[in-house]
């Protein structure tokens, strides 16, 4: 029994995320590795799609999760098992809690882009 209604909320949140990723990158799934799953494969890139709107600060748990994803992306990029690319539906530039995340991506050669279309903008 879902007293708080979270399973319904999670379903619609995940559906929005998946639908937006499909609008931008087309049908198909992302690469699955031992401890990392990418949302889409597109143009030789393994896409990590972020649909957050940045109207609120990220929780520490969200920041920690993204940093763990980056740790894995660094590992898989260095081993040649993945070519990670993060795509944000909404532009994270200038969002204070996202600046360290963007810096880690850039410092480790992981490209990122943003917008409701994909044109490899950085």
Protein backbone atom coordinates (compact mmCIF):
# COMPACT_ATOMS: atom_id res chain seq x y z
CA UNK A 1 0.00 0.00 0.00
CA UNK A 2 1.38 3.41 -1.03
CA UNK A 3 0.05 5.68 1.74
CA UNK A 4 2.00 8.76 0.62
CA UNK A 5 1.25 8.33 -3.07
CA UNK A 6 4.95 8.23 -3.92
CA UNK A 7 4.75 5.38 -6.41
CA UNK A 8 2.34 7.44 -8.50
CA UNK A 9 4.59 10.52 -8.21
CA UNK A 10 7.67 8.45 -9.11
CA UNK A 11 5.88 6.90 -12.09
CA UNK A 12 4.99 10.31 -13.59
CA UNK A 13 8.43 11.76 -12.78
CA UNK A 14 10.18 8.85 -14.47
CA UNK A 15 7.77 8.92 -17.41
CA UNK A 16 8.43 12.65 -17.97
CA UNK A 17 12.19 12.01 -17.79
CA UNK A 18 12.05 9.10 -20.24
CA UNK A 19 9.68 10.87 -22.64
CA UNK A 20 11.88 13.98 -22.77
CA UNK A 21 15.02 11.90 -23.32
CA UNK A 22 13.26 10.10 -26.19
CA UNK A 23 12.10 13.40 -27.76
CA UNK A 24 15.69 14.61 -27.84
CA UNK A 25 17.67 11.42 -28.53
CA UNK A 26 15.12 9.10 -30.14
CA UNK A 27 13.99 5.60 -29.31
CA UNK A 28 16.35 3.07 -27.87
CA UNK A 29 18.05 2.39 -24.61
CA UNK A 30 21.36 3.36 -23.15
CA UNK A 31 24.40 1.25 -22.42
CA UNK A 32 24.29 -0.96 -19.33
CA UNK A 33 27.53 -1.62 -17.51
CA UNK A 34 28.17 -3.48 -14.26
CA UNK A 35 27.44 -0.51 -11.98
CA UNK A 36 26.28 2.19 -14.41
CA UNK A 37 23.26 2.57 -16.68
CA UNK A 38 23.07 5.36 -19.25
CA UNK A 39 19.75 6.76 -20.45
CA UNK A 40 20.50 6.72 -24.18
CA UNK A 41 23.18 5.95 -26.73
CA UNK A 42 23.44 8.70 -29.32
CA UNK A 43 26.07 9.77 -31.85
CA UNK A 44 28.72 7.59 -30.21
CA UNK A 45 28.00 9.00 -26.77
CA UNK A 46 26.58 7.40 -23.65
CA UNK A 47 24.00 9.91 -22.50
CA UNK A 48 23.23 10.69 -18.87
CA UNK A 49 20.01 12.73 -19.14
CA UNK A 50 19.05 15.14 -16.38
CA UNK A 51 15.53 16.59 -16.48
CA UNK A 52 15.77 18.74 -13.31
CA UNK A 53 14.46 22.30 -13.56
CA UNK A 54 16.82 23.83 -10.94
CA UNK A 55 14.02 25.80 -9.26
CA UNK A 56 15.32 24.52 -5.94
CA UNK A 57 18.69 23.58 -4.54
CA UNK A 58 19.82 20.00 -4.96
CA UNK A 59 19.75 17.96 -1.78
CA UNK A 60 23.03 16.58 -0.48
CA UNK A 61 21.79 13.14 -1.47
CA UNK A 62 21.28 14.33 -5.08
CA UNK A 63 24.75 15.92 -5.16
CA UNK A 64 26.29 12.75 -3.74
CA UNK A 65 24.48 10.64 -6.34
CA UNK A 66 25.73 12.80 -9.21
CA UNK A 67 29.29 12.67 -7.86
CA UNK A 68 29.09 8.87 -7.70
CA UNK A 69 27.86 8.84 -11.30
CA UNK A 70 30.81 11.05 -12.30
CA UNK A 71 33.24 8.72 -10.46
CA UNK A 72 31.92 5.82 -12.53
CA UNK A 73 31.96 7.89 -15.73
CA UNK A 74 35.62 8.74 -15.16
CA UNK A 75 36.42 5.06 -14.63
CA UNK A 76 34.54 3.91 -17.74
CA UNK A 77 35.87 6.74 -19.90
CA UNK A 78 39.45 5.90 -18.91
CA UNK A 79 38.92 2.18 -19.59
CA UNK A 80 37.25 2.91 -22.94
CA UNK A 81 34.06 1.12 -21.94
CA UNK A 82 31.93 4.26 -22.21
CA UNK A 83 31.95 7.70 -23.77
CA UNK A 84 29.88 9.59 -21.19
CA UNK A 85 28.04 12.78 -22.10
CA UNK A 86 25.65 14.54 -19.72
CA UNK A 87 22.66 16.37 -21.17
CA UNK A 88 20.57 18.70 -19.02
CA UNK A 89 17.06 19.54 -20.16
CA UNK A 90 17.47 22.90 -18.40
CA UNK A 91 20.71 24.88 -18.39
CA UNK A 92 22.62 24.27 -15.13
CA UNK A 93 25.17 27.04 -15.75
CA UNK A 94 25.06 29.67 -13.02
CA UNK A 95 23.18 27.41 -10.60
CA UNK A 96 25.39 27.53 -7.48
CA UNK A 97 25.01 23.92 -6.36
CA UNK A 98 25.63 22.67 -9.91
CA UNK A 99 28.85 24.59 -10.55
CA UNK A 100 31.07 22.01 -8.77
CA UNK A 101 29.37 19.22 -10.74
CA UNK A 102 29.97 20.99 -14.05
CA UNK A 103 33.58 21.67 -13.06
CA UNK A 104 34.16 17.98 -12.30
CA UNK A 105 32.69 17.00 -15.65
CA UNK A 106 34.85 19.52 -17.51
CA UNK A 107 38.02 18.73 -15.52
CA UNK A 108 37.63 15.05 -16.41
CA UNK A 109 36.90 15.53 -20.10
CA UNK A 110 33.23 14.62 -19.84
CA UNK A 111 31.20 16.75 -22.20
CA UNK A 112 27.82 18.18 -21.29
CA UNK A 113 25.10 20.03 -23.11
CA UNK A 114 21.67 21.44 -22.35
CA UNK A 115 18.37 22.27 -23.95
CA UNK A 116 15.25 20.72 -25.41
CA UNK A 117 17.24 19.69 -28.49
CA UNK A 118 20.73 18.27 -28.85
CA UNK A 119 23.29 20.09 -30.92
CA UNK A 120 26.41 19.26 -28.92
CA UNK A 121 26.48 22.72 -27.37
CA UNK A 122 28.76 23.06 -24.35
